[in-house]
């Protein structure tokens, strides 16, 4: 059983590895030509036969996550993000738009986990008349390990009862083995597909980019790039994102979990590591097949400690899809515009994408031309807004945020209809107080505190 083999391999490697997976002293900056600016890639222009390239492409979305961090049950991809459209709806609309525009057949593949598979499959029926072929395959299911005894927590293979907590999906690095084992990889290669574009389903910026695709398929065969990682410039908000380094002569992904404690601050600095991985990846299908069959796919183990509801300390061994970059030939980083990284991890992110900062066109969100600055406002909503349902009840309508730079909201705060926020707005309701921002208010550089005292910022 191939699944059992990879599971055991991961555990054996975990037991053998002593010390950190990288020696700090060996880390080098990536060579100049190994991370290309997007402008250089797009400057070549597109050929007349874009359809030829698109017919070699498969879009893969990582759909294993639940919406629990945003207070939702079920797959995160089924949360409504904009005009009643879910993450999955937007993805289907984007690909359908491509297929109609260029008369192509780009399929969508969802990598589900045992947490999301059933609910996702139910919802897929609504897309049967859309012009997108949708396939799914499942991530592996690995047993959580007791931190003290290093024995599996699950007592049997059952997913219910006391064993329900005993299992976990082992991170998106599992995509290679699971895709290959599902038989879908071979099926797509037989259909003439050459590249997959992989991204997180909650990254609304991860649309199919024709310039990157053209760059890939236009290289001569021997020089074909087998792996592209889209990276983008770090801001203060991205200090935890993985970064690209040169290590033992290869491009390699360095994640914060692999950094020795003494060097974490250095890792987070914006000056030494200027870019981070968006997890938008373009990967050669035949190369995945080759590396799987040679058993040459090598990804660092991420040890993720968790505490279960009963208080038991466990560890989950995980791998990251981008960590395999060092196994592929002619791997390349492309430094893309920030607009290709628009993840929705919290309701603060959700507020941005629901607002008039973005316009929606054929499933793609683009920054409104009316916004003067290229950057998004910094939004921090307090714990009363964490859950999507509660967040929605606090806004009668989403405020106008075109001229907003910074918003902090804390405590029991509600917003009336047609509120407009500009500059820096800080709203803090003390414990026991409630602040209702009246309908039609315009707050520009204001601090609102206590029981609705509005001060100039």
Protein backbone atom coordinates (compact mmCIF):
# COMPACT_ATOMS: atom_id res chain seq x y z
CA UNK A 1 0.00 0.00 0.00
CA UNK A 2 1.73 3.15 -1.24
CA UNK A 3 -0.09 5.35 1.27
CA UNK A 4 1.17 3.31 4.18
CA UNK A 5 4.69 3.51 2.82
CA UNK A 6 4.69 7.30 2.60
CA UNK A 7 3.16 7.58 6.07
CA UNK A 8 5.80 5.30 7.55
CA UNK A 9 8.54 7.11 5.64
CA UNK A 10 7.48 10.43 7.10
CA UNK A 11 7.50 9.00 10.62
CA UNK A 12 10.86 7.25 10.17
CA UNK A 13 12.42 10.41 8.77
CA UNK A 14 11.00 12.33 11.73
CA UNK A 15 12.63 9.88 14.15
CA UNK A 16 16.00 10.02 12.36
CA UNK A 17 16.32 13.77 11.91
CA UNK A 18 18.22 15.32 14.78
CA UNK A 19 18.50 19.07 15.00
CA UNK A 20 17.18 21.67 12.57
CA UNK A 21 16.60 20.79 8.91
CA UNK A 22 18.73 23.72 7.77
CA UNK A 23 22.17 24.84 8.86
CA UNK A 24 21.90 28.61 9.09
CA UNK A 25 25.47 29.15 8.00
CA UNK A 26 24.79 27.48 4.61
CA UNK A 27 21.90 29.78 3.69
CA UNK A 28 22.60 32.06 0.75
CA UNK A 29 20.60 34.63 -1.13
CA UNK A 30 19.12 33.20 -4.33
CA UNK A 31 21.17 34.10 -7.45
CA UNK A 32 19.88 37.13 -9.38
CA UNK A 33 18.41 35.19 -12.32
CA UNK A 34 16.61 32.62 -10.14
CA UNK A 35 13.88 35.11 -9.18
CA UNK A 36 12.59 36.99 -12.21
CA UNK A 37 10.50 40.15 -11.99
CA UNK A 38 6.99 39.64 -13.36
CA UNK A 39 7.38 42.67 -15.65
CA UNK A 40 10.18 40.92 -17.49
CA UNK A 41 8.04 37.79 -17.99
CA UNK A 42 5.01 39.77 -19.18
CA UNK A 43 7.02 42.12 -21.44
CA UNK A 44 7.35 39.32 -24.01
CA UNK A 45 3.66 39.65 -24.81
CA UNK A 46 1.26 36.84 -25.63
CA UNK A 47 1.14 34.75 -28.82
CA UNK A 48 -1.97 34.53 -30.99
CA UNK A 49 -2.60 30.94 -29.98
CA UNK A 50 -3.16 31.36 -26.23
CA UNK A 51 -5.61 28.46 -26.47
CA UNK A 52 -2.78 26.00 -27.21
CA UNK A 53 -1.09 26.85 -23.91
CA UNK A 54 -4.34 26.84 -21.93
CA UNK A 55 -5.20 23.37 -23.20
CA UNK A 56 -2.02 22.11 -21.50
CA UNK A 57 -3.09 23.54 -18.14
CA UNK A 58 -4.95 22.13 -15.14
CA UNK A 59 -6.03 24.38 -12.25
CA UNK A 60 -5.64 22.72 -8.83
CA UNK A 61 -7.10 24.28 -5.69
CA UNK A 62 -6.10 23.19 -2.20
CA UNK A 63 -9.49 22.56 -0.62
CA UNK A 64 -8.68 20.62 2.54
CA UNK A 65 -9.37 23.37 5.08
CA UNK A 66 -12.40 23.97 7.27
CA UNK A 67 -13.84 27.40 8.05
CA UNK A 68 -13.39 26.90 11.79
CA UNK A 69 -11.05 29.87 12.31
CA UNK A 70 -13.86 32.08 10.98
CA UNK A 71 -16.52 30.36 13.08
CA UNK A 72 -17.99 28.33 10.21
CA UNK A 73 -18.74 24.63 9.99
CA UNK A 74 -17.82 22.71 6.85
CA UNK A 75 -15.33 23.47 4.04
CA UNK A 76 -13.89 26.97 4.04
CA UNK A 77 -14.39 27.14 0.26
CA UNK A 78 -18.17 27.28 0.81
CA UNK A 79 -18.10 30.57 2.78
CA UNK A 80 -19.77 33.45 0.89
CA UNK A 81 -17.19 36.07 0.02
CA UNK A 82 -18.88 38.48 -2.35
CA UNK A 83 -22.46 38.94 -3.63
CA UNK A 84 -23.43 35.52 -2.26
CA UNK A 85 -20.55 33.90 -4.20
CA UNK A 86 -18.37 31.43 -2.33
CA UNK A 87 -14.63 30.87 -2.90
CA UNK A 88 -15.59 27.85 -5.00
CA UNK A 89 -18.16 29.81 -7.04
CA UNK A 90 -15.56 32.46 -7.90
CA UNK A 91 -13.02 29.80 -8.92
CA UNK A 92 -15.53 28.08 -11.22
CA UNK A 93 -16.56 31.44 -12.75
CA UNK A 94 -12.93 32.35 -13.48
CA UNK A 95 -12.14 29.09 -15.25
CA UNK A 96 -15.43 29.02 -17.08
CA UNK A 97 -14.71 32.55 -18.34
CA UNK A 98 -11.30 31.37 -19.65
CA UNK A 99 -12.83 28.32 -21.37
CA UNK A 100 -15.52 30.41 -23.04
CA UNK A 101 -13.21 33.26 -24.06
CA UNK A 102 -10.54 31.05 -25.64
CA UNK A 103 -12.67 28.01 -26.49
CA UNK A 104 -10.50 25.78 -24.32
CA UNK A 105 -10.90 22.94 -21.87
CA UNK A 106 -9.11 23.88 -18.65
CA UNK A 107 -10.28 21.48 -15.92
CA UNK A 108 -10.51 22.26 -12.20
CA UNK A 109 -9.12 19.77 -9.71
CA UNK A 110 -9.90 20.06 -6.00
CA UNK A 111 -7.66 18.43 -3.44
CA UNK A 112 -10.08 17.67 -0.60
CA UNK A 113 -9.34 16.26 2.83
CA UNK A 114 -11.48 13.78 4.76
CA UNK A 115 -12.87 16.88 6.50
CA UNK A 116 -14.16 18.54 3.32
CA UNK A 117 -14.74 15.77 0.77
CA UNK A 118 -18.34 14.88 1.46
CA UNK A 119 -19.68 18.45 1.71
CA UNK A 120 -17.70 19.56 -1.35
CA UNK A 121 -18.97 16.68 -3.51
CA UNK A 122 -22.56 17.51 -2.59
CA UNK A 123 -22.16 21.10 -3.73
CA UNK A 124 -20.40 20.18 -7.01
CA UNK A 125 -23.72 19.10 -8.51
CA UNK A 126 -24.65 22.75 -8.91
CA UNK A 127 -21.87 23.18 -11.51
CA UNK A 128 -22.88 20.35 -13.84
CA UNK A 129 -24.00 22.78 -16.56
CA UNK A 130 -20.98 25.05 -16.25
CA UNK A 131 -18.23 24.88 -18.82
CA UNK A 132 -15.64 23.41 -16.46
CA UNK A 133 -14.80 19.78 -15.88
CA UNK A 134 -14.31 19.31 -12.14
CA UNK A 135 -12.33 16.45 -10.63
CA UNK A 136 -11.55 15.76 -6.99
CA UNK A 137 -9.08 13.58 -5.15
CA UNK A 138 -8.46 13.14 -1.48
CA UNK A 139 -5.50 14.03 0.66
CA UNK A 140 -4.12 11.28 2.87
CA UNK A 141 -5.28 10.75 6.41
CA UNK A 142 -2.49 10.30 8.94
CA UNK A 143 -2.69 9.42 12.63
CA UNK A 144 -1.87 12.11 15.18
CA UNK A 145 0.98 11.09 17.44
CA UNK A 146 1.03 11.35 21.23
CA UNK A 147 3.81 13.82 22.03
CA UNK A 148 5.08 11.85 25.02
CA UNK A 149 4.83 8.23 23.87
CA UNK A 150 5.23 8.88 20.11
CA UNK A 151 2.41 6.35 19.57
CA UNK A 152 -0.64 7.01 17.40
CA UNK A 153 -3.63 8.51 19.26
CA UNK A 154 -6.27 6.70 17.19
CA UNK A 155 -7.15 3.25 18.55
CA UNK A 156 -8.57 1.98 15.25
CA UNK A 157 -9.24 3.12 11.68
CA UNK A 158 -12.63 4.57 12.53
CA UNK A 159 -13.19 8.30 12.02
CA UNK A 160 -15.92 8.53 14.64
CA UNK A 161 -16.21 8.33 18.41
CA UNK A 162 -13.00 8.58 20.40
CA UNK A 163 -10.84 8.09 17.30
CA UNK A 164 -12.30 11.11 15.47
CA UNK A 165 -9.60 13.36 16.92
CA UNK A 166 -6.90 10.85 16.10
CA UNK A 167 -6.53 11.77 12.43
CA UNK A 168 -5.31 14.74 10.41
CA UNK A 169 -4.54 15.66 6.78
CA UNK A 170 -0.72 15.91 6.55
CA UNK A 171 -0.34 19.37 4.95
CA UNK A 172 -0.49 20.30 1.28
CA UNK A 173 2.90 18.69 0.53
CA UNK A 174 0.86 15.50 0.37
CA UNK A 175 -0.51 16.67 -3.01
CA UNK A 176 2.19 14.85 -5.01
CA UNK A 177 1.66 11.36 -3.58
CA UNK A 178 -2.14 11.64 -3.34
CA UNK A 179 -2.56 13.08 -6.85
CA UNK A 180 -0.34 10.33 -8.26
CA UNK A 181 -2.01 7.52 -6.26
CA UNK A 182 -5.50 8.68 -7.24
CA UNK A 183 -4.80 7.85 -10.89
CA UNK A 184 -5.92 11.35 -11.87
CA UNK A 185 -2.36 12.51 -12.63
CA UNK A 186 -1.90 9.82 -15.30
CA UNK A 187 -5.37 10.47 -16.68
CA UNK A 188 -4.57 14.18 -17.20
CA UNK A 189 -1.16 13.46 -18.76
CA UNK A 190 -2.90 11.10 -21.21
CA UNK A 191 -5.21 14.01 -22.13
CA UNK A 192 -2.15 16.09 -23.08
CA UNK A 193 -2.01 18.23 -19.94
CA UNK A 194 1.50 19.45 -19.04
CA UNK A 195 1.27 21.90 -16.14
CA UNK A 196 -0.79 22.37 -13.02
CA UNK A 197 -1.38 25.75 -11.44
CA UNK A 198 -1.75 25.11 -7.71
CA UNK A 199 -3.02 27.63 -5.17
CA UNK A 200 -4.95 27.93 -1.92
CA UNK A 201 -8.67 28.21 -2.55
CA UNK A 202 -8.87 31.13 -0.11
CA UNK A 203 -6.36 33.22 -2.12
CA UNK A 204 -8.65 35.36 -4.26
CA UNK A 205 -5.67 36.78 -6.16
CA UNK A 206 -4.64 33.39 -7.55
CA UNK A 207 -6.18 33.57 -11.01
CA UNK A 208 -4.71 31.90 -14.10
CA UNK A 209 -1.98 34.19 -15.41
CA UNK A 210 -1.47 33.86 -19.17
CA UNK A 211 1.98 35.51 -19.11
CA UNK A 212 3.41 32.98 -16.67
CA UNK A 213 1.79 30.11 -18.55
CA UNK A 214 3.21 31.35 -21.85
CA UNK A 215 6.67 31.68 -20.30
CA UNK A 216 6.51 28.05 -19.21
CA UNK A 217 5.35 26.47 -22.45
CA UNK A 218 7.54 28.62 -24.70
CA UNK A 219 10.87 27.40 -23.28
CA UNK A 220 12.73 24.84 -25.44
CA UNK A 221 12.07 21.31 -24.17
CA UNK A 222 15.44 20.67 -22.55
CA UNK A 223 15.27 24.01 -20.72
CA UNK A 224 11.66 23.69 -19.62
CA UNK A 225 11.10 25.07 -16.19
CA UNK A 226 9.45 22.33 -14.08
CA UNK A 227 8.47 24.46 -11.11
CA UNK A 228 7.57 28.14 -10.73
CA UNK A 229 6.90 29.68 -7.35
CA UNK A 230 5.15 33.04 -7.36
CA UNK A 231 6.70 35.19 -4.67
CA UNK A 232 5.92 38.78 -3.76
CA UNK A 233 7.55 41.54 -1.74
CA UNK A 234 7.25 41.23 2.02
CA UNK A 235 5.47 43.88 4.03
CA UNK A 236 5.33 44.07 7.82
CA UNK A 237 2.21 41.93 7.67
CA UNK A 238 3.98 39.00 6.02
CA UNK A 239 6.86 38.36 8.40
CA UNK A 240 5.87 34.72 8.87
CA UNK A 241 5.65 33.78 5.18
CA UNK A 242 8.10 31.20 3.80
CA UNK A 243 10.92 32.57 1.65
CA UNK A 244 13.24 31.37 -1.13
CA UNK A 245 16.90 30.73 -0.39
CA UNK A 246 19.85 29.17 -2.16
CA UNK A 247 20.98 26.08 -0.25
CA UNK A 248 23.60 23.58 -1.36
CA UNK A 249 23.31 24.89 -4.92
CA UNK A 250 19.51 24.59 -5.16
CA UNK A 251 16.57 26.94 -4.73
CA UNK A 252 14.83 25.99 -1.54
CA UNK A 253 11.78 27.11 0.47
CA UNK A 254 12.57 28.17 4.02
CA UNK A 255 9.59 28.16 6.39
CA UNK A 256 9.55 29.84 9.80
CA UNK A 257 9.05 26.42 11.42
CA UNK A 258 12.52 25.35 10.19
CA UNK A 259 14.35 28.40 11.50
CA UNK A 260 16.46 27.91 14.64
CA UNK A 261 15.03 30.03 17.49
CA UNK A 262 18.10 32.25 17.62
CA UNK A 263 17.52 33.35 14.02
CA UNK A 264 13.74 33.89 13.96
CA UNK A 265 14.05 37.69 14.18
CA UNK A 266 16.51 37.68 11.30
CA UNK A 267 14.10 35.51 9.28
CA UNK A 268 11.27 37.98 9.94
CA UNK A 269 13.32 41.00 8.89
CA UNK A 270 12.16 42.66 5.70
CA UNK A 271 15.73 43.56 4.72
CA UNK A 272 17.44 40.15 4.57
CA UNK A 273 14.52 38.10 3.22
CA UNK A 274 12.66 40.49 0.96
CA UNK A 275 10.11 38.17 -0.60
CA UNK A 276 7.74 35.43 0.52
CA UNK A 277 5.97 32.49 -1.08
CA UNK A 278 2.35 33.17 -2.13
CA UNK A 279 1.78 29.42 -2.58
CA UNK A 280 0.76 30.05 -6.19
CA UNK A 281 2.79 27.34 -7.93
CA UNK A 282 3.12 26.15 -11.53
CA UNK A 283 4.39 22.57 -11.70
CA UNK A 284 5.14 20.16 -14.54
CA UNK A 285 2.88 17.08 -14.51
CA UNK A 286 5.42 14.72 -16.16
CA UNK A 287 8.02 15.90 -13.61
CA UNK A 288 5.70 15.05 -10.70
CA UNK A 289 5.17 11.59 -12.21
CA UNK A 290 8.92 11.07 -12.65
CA UNK A 291 9.82 12.18 -9.13
CA UNK A 292 7.03 10.10 -7.57
CA UNK A 293 8.13 6.99 -9.46
CA UNK A 294 11.79 7.53 -8.55
CA UNK A 295 10.75 8.14 -4.94
CA UNK A 296 12.77 11.37 -5.23
CA UNK A 297 10.24 13.84 -3.83
CA UNK A 298 11.93 15.22 -0.76
CA UNK A 299 10.24 17.76 1.51
CA UNK A 300 11.30 18.93 4.96
CA UNK A 301 9.08 17.72 7.78
CA UNK A 302 7.15 20.37 9.64
CA UNK A 303 6.34 19.29 13.18
CA UNK A 304 3.05 20.92 14.15
CA UNK A 305 2.26 20.60 17.88
CA UNK A 306 -1.45 20.65 18.81
CA UNK A 307 -3.45 20.25 21.98
CA UNK A 308 -6.65 18.24 21.54
CA UNK A 309 -9.90 19.24 23.25
CA UNK A 310 -9.26 16.80 26.10
CA UNK A 311 -5.91 18.46 26.79
CA UNK A 312 -3.77 15.75 25.17
CA UNK A 313 -0.59 17.06 23.53
CA UNK A 314 -0.05 15.60 20.07
CA UNK A 315 2.19 16.23 17.11
CA UNK A 316 1.24 16.29 13.45
CA UNK A 317 3.92 15.66 10.86
CA UNK A 318 3.25 17.79 7.81
CA UNK A 319 4.95 18.84 4.58
CA UNK A 320 4.45 21.91 2.37
CA UNK A 321 3.82 21.71 -1.38
CA UNK A 322 6.40 24.44 -2.11
CA UNK A 323 9.16 22.61 -0.22
CA UNK A 324 9.56 20.23 -3.18
CA UNK A 325 10.96 23.07 -5.31
CA UNK A 326 14.50 21.75 -4.76
CA UNK A 327 13.64 18.43 -6.46
CA UNK A 328 12.58 19.94 -9.81
CA UNK A 329 14.77 20.99 -12.73
CA UNK A 330 15.20 24.66 -13.73
CA UNK A 331 13.01 25.87 -10.84
CA UNK A 332 12.24 29.57 -10.90
CA UNK A 333 10.78 32.22 -8.62
CA UNK A 334 8.69 34.95 -10.26
CA UNK A 335 8.20 38.13 -8.24
CA UNK A 336 4.54 38.94 -8.92
CA UNK A 337 2.46 42.01 -8.03
CA UNK A 338 0.89 41.96 -4.59
CA UNK A 339 -2.55 41.72 -6.23
CA UNK A 340 -1.90 38.00 -6.85
CA UNK A 341 -1.86 37.44 -3.09
CA UNK A 342 -5.25 38.21 -1.57
CA UNK A 343 -5.88 35.54 1.05
CA UNK A 344 -8.99 35.59 3.21
CA UNK A 345 -7.92 34.13 6.55
CA UNK A 346 -10.00 36.31 8.89
CA UNK A 347 -13.10 38.50 8.86
CA UNK A 348 -10.73 41.51 8.64
CA UNK A 349 -9.64 40.15 5.22
CA UNK A 350 -13.28 39.45 4.37
CA UNK A 351 -14.21 43.09 5.03
CA UNK A 352 -11.65 44.22 2.44
CA UNK A 353 -12.84 41.89 -0.31
CA UNK A 354 -16.54 42.62 0.33
CA UNK A 355 -15.94 46.39 0.13
CA UNK A 356 -15.85 48.86 -2.75
CA UNK A 357 -12.04 48.57 -2.78
CA UNK A 358 -12.57 45.70 -5.22
CA UNK A 359 -14.69 45.19 -8.27
CA UNK A 360 -15.76 41.72 -9.36
CA UNK A 361 -15.46 40.70 -13.00
CA UNK A 362 -15.95 37.11 -14.25
CA UNK A 363 -15.04 35.70 -10.85
CA UNK A 364 -11.87 37.83 -10.48
CA UNK A 365 -11.48 40.59 -7.93
CA UNK A 366 -9.50 43.63 -9.04
CA UNK A 367 -8.59 46.72 -7.04
CA UNK A 368 -10.96 49.57 -7.89
CA UNK A 369 -9.39 52.17 -10.20
CA UNK A 370 -10.87 54.79 -7.85
CA UNK A 371 -8.41 53.87 -5.09
CA UNK A 372 -5.48 56.29 -5.09
CA UNK A 373 -2.97 53.95 -3.41
CA UNK A 374 -1.86 50.54 -4.64
CA UNK A 375 -1.78 49.08 -1.11
CA UNK A 376 -4.78 47.75 0.81
CA UNK A 377 -5.80 49.37 4.10
CA UNK A 378 -4.65 47.71 7.30
CA UNK A 379 -7.78 46.36 9.02
CA UNK A 380 -7.91 44.91 12.53
CA UNK A 381 -11.32 43.81 13.78
CA UNK A 382 -11.60 42.72 17.42
CA UNK A 383 -12.88 39.44 18.85
CA UNK A 384 -16.58 40.46 18.54
CA UNK A 385 -16.07 40.16 14.77
CA UNK A 386 -14.16 36.85 14.61
CA UNK A 387 -17.09 34.68 13.52
CA UNK A 388 -18.54 35.34 10.08
CA UNK A 389 -22.16 35.23 11.28
CA UNK A 390 -21.53 37.76 14.05
CA UNK A 391 -19.40 39.93 11.76
CA UNK A 392 -22.25 40.12 9.23
CA UNK A 393 -24.77 41.27 11.84
CA UNK A 394 -22.47 44.18 12.83
CA UNK A 395 -22.54 45.81 9.37
CA UNK A 396 -25.87 46.99 7.98
CA UNK A 397 -23.89 47.59 4.82
CA UNK A 398 -20.15 47.40 4.14
CA UNK A 399 -18.61 50.87 4.62
CA UNK A 400 -17.05 52.88 1.80
CA UNK A 401 -13.33 52.20 2.26
CA UNK A 402 -11.79 53.73 -0.88
CA UNK A 403 -9.81 56.30 1.09
CA UNK A 404 -9.13 54.22 4.19
CA UNK A 405 -5.55 53.62 5.40
CA UNK A 406 -6.08 51.98 8.74
CA UNK A 407 -9.06 50.65 10.68
CA UNK A 408 -9.02 49.23 14.22
CA UNK A 409 -12.29 48.16 15.84
CA UNK A 410 -12.52 46.70 19.33
CA UNK A 411 -15.50 45.76 21.50
CA UNK A 412 -19.25 45.89 20.88
CA UNK A 413 -19.44 48.07 17.77
CA UNK A 414 -22.02 48.15 14.98
CA UNK A 415 -22.08 50.08 11.70
CA UNK A 416 -25.21 51.61 10.18
CA UNK A 417 -25.87 51.81 6.45
CA UNK A 418 -23.65 53.83 4.08
CA UNK A 419 -20.89 54.67 6.54
CA UNK A 420 -17.73 56.06 4.95
CA UNK A 421 -14.25 55.54 6.48
CA UNK A 422 -11.19 57.59 5.49
CA UNK A 423 -7.60 57.87 6.67
CA UNK A 424 -7.03 56.31 10.10
CA UNK A 425 -10.12 55.31 12.05
CA UNK A 426 -9.96 53.73 15.51
CA UNK A 427 -13.17 52.66 17.25
CA UNK A 428 -12.91 51.27 20.76
CA UNK A 429 -15.94 50.37 22.87
CA UNK A 430 -14.89 49.75 26.44
CA UNK A 431 -16.17 46.70 28.30
CA UNK A 432 -19.90 47.08 28.89
CA UNK A 433 -20.21 50.00 26.42
CA UNK A 434 -21.70 49.76 23.00
CA UNK A 435 -20.96 52.02 20.05
CA UNK A 436 -23.35 52.28 17.11
CA UNK A 437 -21.86 54.23 14.22
CA UNK A 438 -24.90 56.08 12.82
CA UNK A 439 -26.07 55.48 9.25
CA UNK A 440 -24.48 57.83 6.73
CA UNK A 441 -21.58 58.84 9.03
CA UNK A 442 -18.30 59.90 7.50
CA UNK A 443 -15.35 59.21 9.78
CA UNK A 444 -12.05 60.67 8.60
CA UNK A 445 -9.00 60.37 10.90
CA UNK A 446 -11.19 59.81 13.96
CA UNK A 447 -10.85 58.04 17.26
CA UNK A 448 -14.20 56.92 18.65
CA UNK A 449 -14.14 55.68 22.21
CA UNK A 450 -16.21 54.98 25.31
CA UNK A 451 -19.83 55.78 24.67
CA UNK A 452 -19.46 57.39 21.26
CA UNK A 453 -17.15 60.35 21.76
CA UNK A 454 -15.74 61.19 18.36
CA UNK A 455 -12.28 62.77 18.47
CA UNK A 456 -9.98 64.01 15.72
CA UNK A 457 -7.05 61.69 15.02
